[in-house]
Amino acid sequence: MKTLGDVAVGDSSTIIKLHGEGALRRHLMDLGLIKGTQFKVVKVAPLGDPIQITVRGYELSIRKEEAAIVEVQ
């Protein structure tokens, strides 16, 4: 399974599925990370956390543990 955290800087991908349960999953969906959404990884912090992406026309920074539950193509 390839996750959002595996996407290289400058690459684009599409969300296939959100794994996990509860508040974290709901929070990511509220931010616009739903099935079929395309995004681009803009940059990754020096220690790998957080990851900045462009999704639905805005910049979003998410933590590695959040990115780990987002399955991508």
PDB file of N, CA and C in Angstrom:
ATOM      1  N   MET A   1       0.850  -1.183   0.000  1.00  0.00           N
ATOM      2  CA  MET A   1       0.000   0.000   0.000  1.00  0.00           C
ATOM      3  C   MET A   1       0.893   1.243   0.000  1.00  0.00           C
ATOM      4  N   LYS A   2       0.659   2.130  -0.947  1.00  0.00           N
ATOM      5  CA  LYS A   2       1.396   3.387  -1.033  1.00  0.00           C
ATOM      6  C   LYS A   2       0.593   4.463  -0.306  1.00  0.00           C
ATOM      7  N   THR A   3       1.251   5.199   0.573  1.00  0.00           N
ATOM      8  CA  THR A   3       0.573   6.231   1.345  1.00  0.00           C
ATOM      9  C   THR A   3       1.005   7.623   0.901  1.00  0.00           C
ATOM     10  N   LEU A   4       0.309   8.622   1.380  1.00  0.00           N
ATOM     11  CA  LEU A   4       0.634  10.002   1.058  1.00  0.00           C
ATOM     12  C   LEU A   4       2.071  10.333   1.464  1.00  0.00           C
ATOM     13  N   GLY A   5       2.547   9.757   2.545  1.00  0.00           N
ATOM     14  CA  GLY A   5       3.911   9.981   3.002  1.00  0.00           C
ATOM     15  C   GLY A   5       4.972   9.441   2.066  1.00  0.00           C
ATOM     16  N   ASP A   6       4.606   8.530   1.164  1.00  0.00           N
ATOM     17  CA  ASP A   6       5.549   7.932   0.217  1.00  0.00           C
ATOM     18  C   ASP A   6       5.698   8.740  -1.068  1.00  0.00           C
ATOM     19  N   VAL A   7       4.853   9.723  -1.283  1.00  0.00           N
ATOM     20  CA  VAL A   7       4.881  10.517  -2.515  1.00  0.00           C
ATOM     21  C   VAL A   7       6.041  11.515  -2.421  1.00  0.00           C
ATOM     22  N   ALA A   8       6.853  11.574  -3.470  1.00  0.00           N
ATOM     23  CA  ALA A   8       8.029  12.444  -3.489  1.00  0.00           C
ATOM     24  C   ALA A   8       7.630  13.904  -3.687  1.00  0.00           C
ATOM     25  N   VAL A   9       8.498  14.792  -3.237  1.00  0.00           N
ATOM     26  CA  VAL A   9       8.270  16.231  -3.400  1.00  0.00           C
ATOM     27  C   VAL A   9       8.183  16.567  -4.889  1.00  0.00           C
ATOM     28  N   GLY A  10       7.161  17.319  -5.262  1.00  0.00           N
ATOM     29  CA  GLY A  10       6.939  17.714  -6.644  1.00  0.00           C
ATOM     30  C   GLY A  10       6.040  16.777  -7.420  1.00  0.00           C
ATOM     31  N   ASP A  11       5.742  15.597  -6.866  1.00  0.00           N
ATOM     32  CA  ASP A  11       4.874  14.630  -7.532  1.00  0.00           C
ATOM     33  C   ASP A  11       3.419  14.839  -7.131  1.00  0.00           C
ATOM     34  N   SER A  12       2.537  14.436  -8.028  1.00  0.00           N
ATOM     35  CA  SER A  12       1.097  14.480  -7.767  1.00  0.00           C
ATOM     36  C   SER A  12       0.570  13.065  -7.657  1.00  0.00           C
ATOM     37  N   SER A  13      -0.556  12.915  -6.992  1.00  0.00           N
ATOM     38  CA  SER A  13      -1.184  11.608  -6.839  1.00  0.00           C
ATOM     39  C   SER A  13      -2.669  11.814  -6.554  1.00  0.00           C
ATOM     40  N   THR A  14      -3.395  10.693  -6.465  1.00  0.00           N
ATOM     41  CA  THR A  14      -4.827  10.712  -6.194  1.00  0.00           C
ATOM     42  C   THR A  14      -5.118   9.840  -4.986  1.00  0.00           C
ATOM     43  N   ILE A  15      -6.002  10.308  -4.127  1.00  0.00           N
ATOM     44  CA  ILE A  15      -6.372   9.562  -2.932  1.00  0.00           C
ATOM     45  C   ILE A  15      -7.302   8.415  -3.321  1.00  0.00           C
ATOM     46  N   ILE A  16      -6.975   7.219  -2.844  1.00  0.00           N
ATOM     47  CA  ILE A  16      -7.799   6.039  -3.084  1.00  0.00           C
ATOM     48  C   ILE A  16      -8.721   5.775  -1.902  1.00  0.00           C
ATOM     49  N   LYS A  17      -8.159   5.866  -0.676  1.00  0.00           N
ATOM     50  CA  LYS A  17      -8.943   5.507   0.506  1.00  0.00           C
ATOM     51  C   LYS A  17      -8.308   6.099   1.755  1.00  0.00           C
ATOM     52  N   LEU A  18      -9.153   6.430   2.728  1.00  0.00           N
ATOM     53  CA  LEU A  18      -8.684   6.825   4.054  1.00  0.00           C
ATOM     54  C   LEU A  18      -8.877   5.642   4.989  1.00  0.00           C
ATOM     55  N   HIS A  19      -7.793   5.193   5.592  1.00  0.00           N
ATOM     56  CA  HIS A  19      -7.876   4.122   6.580  1.00  0.00           C
ATOM     57  C   HIS A  19      -8.047   4.759   7.947  1.00  0.00           C
ATOM     58  N   GLY A  20      -8.199   3.960   8.959  1.00  0.00           N
ATOM     59  CA  GLY A  20      -8.343   4.497  10.307  1.00  0.00           C
ATOM     60  C   GLY A  20      -9.802   4.746  10.647  1.00  0.00           C
ATOM     61  N   GLU A  21     -10.006   5.234  11.866  1.00  0.00           N
ATOM     62  CA  GLU A  21     -11.352   5.441  12.371  1.00  0.00           C
ATOM     63  C   GLU A  21     -11.442   6.717  13.182  1.00  0.00           C
ATOM     64  N   GLY A  22     -12.636   7.108  13.463  1.00  0.00           N
ATOM     65  CA  GLY A  22     -12.905   8.150  14.433  1.00  0.00           C
ATOM     66  C   GLY A  22     -12.539   9.553  14.013  1.00  0.00           C
ATOM     67  N   ALA A  23     -12.106  10.320  15.005  1.00  0.00           N
ATOM     68  CA  ALA A  23     -11.902  11.749  14.849  1.00  0.00           C
ATOM     69  C   ALA A  23     -10.812  12.092  13.833  1.00  0.00           C
ATOM     70  N   LEU A  24      -9.724  11.334  13.797  1.00  0.00           N
ATOM     71  CA  LEU A  24      -8.649  11.638  12.854  1.00  0.00           C
ATOM     72  C   LEU A  24      -9.129  11.479  11.416  1.00  0.00           C
ATOM     73  N   ARG A  25      -9.821  10.407  11.130  1.00  0.00           N
ATOM     74  CA  ARG A  25     -10.351  10.181   9.780  1.00  0.00           C
ATOM     75  C   ARG A  25     -11.341  11.286   9.405  1.00  0.00           C
ATOM     76  N   ARG A  26     -12.223  11.620  10.305  1.00  0.00           N
ATOM     77  CA  ARG A  26     -13.212  12.673  10.062  1.00  0.00           C
ATOM     78  C   ARG A  26     -12.535  14.022   9.833  1.00  0.00           C
ATOM     79  N   HIS A  27     -11.500  14.299  10.597  1.00  0.00           N
ATOM     80  CA  HIS A  27     -10.752  15.556  10.459  1.00  0.00           C
ATOM     81  C   HIS A  27     -10.127  15.662   9.070  1.00  0.00           C
ATOM     82  N   LEU A  28      -9.502  14.591   8.594  1.00  0.00           N
ATOM     83  CA  LEU A  28      -8.882  14.611   7.267  1.00  0.00           C
ATOM     84  C   LEU A  28      -9.937  14.784   6.177  1.00  0.00           C
ATOM     85  N   MET A  29     -11.086  14.167   6.347  1.00  0.00           N
ATOM     86  CA  MET A  29     -12.171  14.330   5.375  1.00  0.00           C
ATOM     87  C   MET A  29     -12.677  15.772   5.377  1.00  0.00           C
ATOM     88  N   ASP A  30     -12.761  16.374   6.540  1.00  0.00           N
ATOM     89  CA  ASP A  30     -13.197  17.776   6.649  1.00  0.00           C
ATOM     90  C   ASP A  30     -12.219  18.722   5.960  1.00  0.00           C
ATOM     91  N   LEU A  31     -10.935  18.342   5.923  1.00  0.00           N
ATOM     92  CA  LEU A  31      -9.913  19.144   5.258  1.00  0.00           C
ATOM     93  C   LEU A  31      -9.924  18.967   3.740  1.00  0.00           C
ATOM     94  N   GLY A  32     -10.746  18.051   3.241  1.00  0.00           N
ATOM     95  CA  GLY A  32     -10.861  17.859   1.801  1.00  0.00           C
ATOM     96  C   GLY A  32     -10.136  16.647   1.266  1.00  0.00           C
ATOM     97  N   LEU A  33      -9.585  15.822   2.136  1.00  0.00           N
ATOM     98  CA  LEU A  33      -8.890  14.615   1.695  1.00  0.00           C
ATOM     99  C   LEU A  33      -9.881  13.462   1.612  1.00  0.00           C
ATOM    100  N   ILE A  34     -10.551  13.361   0.470  1.00  0.00           N
ATOM    101  CA  ILE A  34     -11.526  12.301   0.261  1.00  0.00           C
ATOM    102  C   ILE A  34     -11.164  11.527  -1.005  1.00  0.00           C
ATOM    103  N   LYS A  35     -11.779  10.378  -1.175  1.00  0.00           N
ATOM    104  CA  LYS A  35     -11.513   9.505  -2.313  1.00  0.00           C
ATOM    105  C   LYS A  35     -11.666  10.264  -3.632  1.00  0.00           C
ATOM    106  N   GLY A  36     -10.669  10.095  -4.511  1.00  0.00           N
ATOM    107  CA  GLY A  36     -10.706  10.703  -5.822  1.00  0.00           C
ATOM    108  C   GLY A  36     -10.069  12.084  -5.905  1.00  0.00           C
ATOM    109  N   THR A  37      -9.677  12.649  -4.777  1.00  0.00           N
ATOM    110  CA  THR A  37      -9.086  13.985  -4.759  1.00  0.00           C
ATOM    111  C   THR A  37      -7.625  13.925  -5.179  1.00  0.00           C
ATOM    112  N   GLN A  38      -7.238  14.807  -6.083  1.00  0.00           N
ATOM    113  CA  GLN A  38      -5.850  14.900  -6.504  1.00  0.00           C
ATOM    114  C   GLN A  38      -5.125  15.916  -5.640  1.00  0.00           C
ATOM    115  N   PHE A  39      -3.825  15.680  -5.423  1.00  0.00           N
ATOM    116  CA  PHE A  39      -3.007  16.590  -4.631  1.00  0.00           C
ATOM    117  C   PHE A  39      -1.578  16.560  -5.149  1.00  0.00           C
ATOM    118  N   LYS A  40      -0.789  17.541  -4.721  1.00  0.00           N
ATOM    119  CA  LYS A  40       0.624  17.625  -5.086  1.00  0.00           C
ATOM    120  C   LYS A  40       1.429  17.882  -3.821  1.00  0.00           C
ATOM    121  N   VAL A  41       2.528  17.144  -3.641  1.00  0.00           N
ATOM    122  CA  VAL A  41       3.400  17.360  -2.497  1.00  0.00           C
ATOM    123  C   VAL A  41       4.309  18.544  -2.818  1.00  0.00           C
ATOM    124  N   VAL A  42       4.226  19.588  -2.013  1.00  0.00           N
ATOM    125  CA  VAL A  42       4.991  20.812  -2.243  1.00  0.00           C
ATOM    126  C   VAL A  42       6.353  20.730  -1.574  1.00  0.00           C
ATOM    127  N   LYS A  43       6.370  20.370  -0.287  1.00  0.00           N
ATOM    128  CA  LYS A  43       7.644  20.219   0.416  1.00  0.00           C
ATOM    129  C   LYS A  43       7.465  19.385   1.666  1.00  0.00           C
ATOM    130  N   VAL A  44       8.592  18.898   2.154  1.00  0.00           N
ATOM    131  CA  VAL A  44       8.628  18.097   3.374  1.00  0.00           C
ATOM    132  C   VAL A  44       9.654  18.745   4.301  1.00  0.00           C
ATOM    133  N   ALA A  45       9.321  18.886   5.564  1.00  0.00           N
ATOM    134  CA  ALA A  45      10.241  19.471   6.532  1.00  0.00           C
ATOM    135  C   ALA A  45      11.514  18.632   6.626  1.00  0.00           C
ATOM    136  N   PRO A  46      12.620  19.226   7.054  1.00  0.00           N
ATOM    137  CA  PRO A  46      13.899  18.517   7.110  1.00  0.00           C
ATOM    138  C   PRO A  46      13.869  17.181   7.857  1.00  0.00           C
ATOM    139  N   LEU A  47      13.105  17.078   8.908  1.00  0.00           N
ATOM    140  CA  LEU A  47      13.023  15.819   9.645  1.00  0.00           C
ATOM    141  C   LEU A  47      11.842  14.961   9.186  1.00  0.00           C
ATOM    142  N   GLY A  48      11.183  15.357   8.100  1.00  0.00           N
ATOM    143  CA  GLY A  48      10.106  14.569   7.524  1.00  0.00           C
ATOM    144  C   GLY A  48       8.719  14.849   8.075  1.00  0.00           C
ATOM    145  N   ASP A  49       8.613  15.791   8.987  1.00  0.00           N
ATOM    146  CA  ASP A  49       7.318  16.059   9.604  1.00  0.00           C
ATOM    147  C   ASP A  49       7.190  17.545   9.850  1.00  0.00           C
ATOM    148  N   PRO A  50       6.251  18.269   9.326  1.00  0.00           N
ATOM    149  CA  PRO A  50       5.087  17.873   8.542  1.00  0.00           C
ATOM    150  C   PRO A  50       5.368  17.833   7.042  1.00  0.00           C
ATOM    151  N   ILE A  51       4.349  17.424   6.303  1.00  0.00           N
ATOM    152  CA  ILE A  51       4.362  17.366   4.845  1.00  0.00           C
ATOM    153  C   ILE A  51       3.388  18.425   4.340  1.00  0.00           C
ATOM    154  N   GLN A  52       3.851  19.261   3.412  1.00  0.00           N
ATOM    155  CA  GLN A  52       2.978  20.301   2.856  1.00  0.00           C
ATOM    156  C   GLN A  52       2.491  19.864   1.489  1.00  0.00           C
ATOM    157  N   ILE A  53       1.164  19.895   1.300  1.00  0.00           N
ATOM    158  CA  ILE A  53       0.564  19.510   0.027  1.00  0.00           C
ATOM    159  C   ILE A  53      -0.359  20.613  -0.466  1.00  0.00           C
ATOM    160  N   THR A  54      -0.611  20.601  -1.774  1.00  0.00           N
ATOM    161  CA  THR A  54      -1.624  21.464  -2.366  1.00  0.00           C
ATOM    162  C   THR A  54      -2.800  20.569  -2.724  1.00  0.00           C
ATOM    163  N   VAL A  55      -3.953  20.890  -2.169  1.00  0.00           N
ATOM    164  CA  VAL A  55      -5.154  20.099  -2.407  1.00  0.00           C
ATOM    165  C   VAL A  55      -6.346  21.049  -2.512  1.00  0.00           C
ATOM    166  N   ARG A  56      -7.152  20.883  -3.546  1.00  0.00           N
ATOM    167  CA  ARG A  56      -8.353  21.690  -3.752  1.00  0.00           C
ATOM    168  C   ARG A  56      -8.074  23.198  -3.736  1.00  0.00           C
ATOM    169  N   GLY A  57      -6.907  23.589  -4.245  1.00  0.00           N
ATOM    170  CA  GLY A  57      -6.593  25.005  -4.374  1.00  0.00           C
ATOM    171  C   GLY A  57      -6.009  25.676  -3.144  1.00  0.00           C
ATOM    172  N   TYR A  58      -5.693  24.918  -2.102  1.00  0.00           N
ATOM    173  CA  TYR A  58      -5.071  25.536  -0.930  1.00  0.00           C
ATOM    174  C   TYR A  58      -3.916  24.673  -0.419  1.00  0.00           C
ATOM    175  N   GLU A  59      -3.049  25.286   0.379  1.00  0.00           N
ATOM    176  CA  GLU A  59      -1.897  24.597   0.959  1.00  0.00           C
ATOM    177  C   GLU A  59      -2.307  23.982   2.292  1.00  0.00           C
ATOM    178  N   LEU A  60      -1.881  22.747   2.507  1.00  0.00           N
ATOM    179  CA  LEU A  60      -2.232  22.027   3.722  1.00  0.00           C
ATOM    180  C   LEU A  60      -0.992  21.317   4.251  1.00  0.00           C
ATOM    181  N   SER A  61      -0.729  21.450   5.537  1.00  0.00           N
ATOM    182  CA  SER A  61       0.372  20.732   6.171  1.00  0.00           C
ATOM    183  C   SER A  61      -0.217  19.661   7.072  1.00  0.00           C
ATOM    184  N   ILE A  62       0.251  18.433   6.883  1.00  0.00           N
ATOM    185  CA  ILE A  62      -0.227  17.337   7.729  1.00  0.00           C
ATOM    186  C   ILE A  62       0.962  16.572   8.297  1.00  0.00           C
ATOM    187  N   ARG A  63       0.746  15.946   9.417  1.00  0.00           N
ATOM    188  CA  ARG A  63       1.793  15.197  10.101  1.00  0.00           C
ATOM    189  C   ARG A  63       1.973  13.822   9.459  1.00  0.00           C
ATOM    190  N   LYS A  64       3.122  13.198   9.747  1.00  0.00           N
ATOM    191  CA  LYS A  64       3.429  11.891   9.165  1.00  0.00           C
ATOM    192  C   LYS A  64       2.409  10.832   9.560  1.00  0.00           C
ATOM    193  N   GLU A  65       1.954  10.851  10.807  1.00  0.00           N
ATOM    194  CA  GLU A  65       0.991   9.831  11.225  1.00  0.00           C
ATOM    195  C   GLU A  65      -0.358  10.016  10.534  1.00  0.00           C
ATOM    196  N   GLU A  66      -0.707  11.253  10.182  1.00  0.00           N
ATOM    197  CA  GLU A  66      -1.924  11.490   9.405  1.00  0.00           C
ATOM    198  C   GLU A  66      -1.742  11.016   7.981  1.00  0.00           C
ATOM    199  N   ALA A  67      -0.579  11.300   7.390  1.00  0.00           N
ATOM    200  CA  ALA A  67      -0.291  10.897   6.019  1.00  0.00           C
ATOM    201  C   ALA A  67      -0.255   9.374   5.889  1.00  0.00           C
ATOM    202  N   ALA A  68       0.065   8.676   6.947  1.00  0.00           N
ATOM    203  CA  ALA A  68       0.183   7.213   6.917  1.00  0.00           C
ATOM    204  C   ALA A  68      -1.153   6.510   6.713  1.00  0.00           C
ATOM    205  N   ILE A  69      -2.269   7.178   6.993  1.00  0.00           N
ATOM    206  CA  ILE A  69      -3.576   6.511   6.826  1.00  0.00           C
ATOM    207  C   ILE A  69      -4.242   6.875   5.508  1.00  0.00           C
ATOM    208  N   VAL A  70      -3.566   7.690   4.671  1.00  0.00           N
ATOM    209  CA  VAL A  70      -4.125   8.105   3.390  1.00  0.00           C
ATOM    210  C   VAL A  70      -3.488   7.262   2.287  1.00  0.00           C
ATOM    211  N   GLU A  71      -4.265   6.332   1.730  1.00  0.00           N
ATOM    212  CA  GLU A  71      -3.770   5.466   0.647  1.00  0.00           C
ATOM    213  C   GLU A  71      -3.915   6.202  -0.691  1.00  0.00           C
ATOM    214  N   VAL A  72      -2.844   6.165  -1.495  1.00  0.00           N
ATOM    215  CA  VAL A  72      -2.826   6.884  -2.772  1.00  0.00           C
ATOM    216  C   VAL A  72      -2.444   5.951  -3.912  1.00  0.00           C
ATOM    217  N   GLN A  73      -2.671   6.437  -5.151  1.00  0.00           N
ATOM    218  CA  GLN A  73      -2.284   5.671  -6.338  1.00  0.00           C
ATOM    219  C   GLN A  73      -0.827   5.862  -6.615  1.00  0.00           C
TER     220      GLN A  73
END
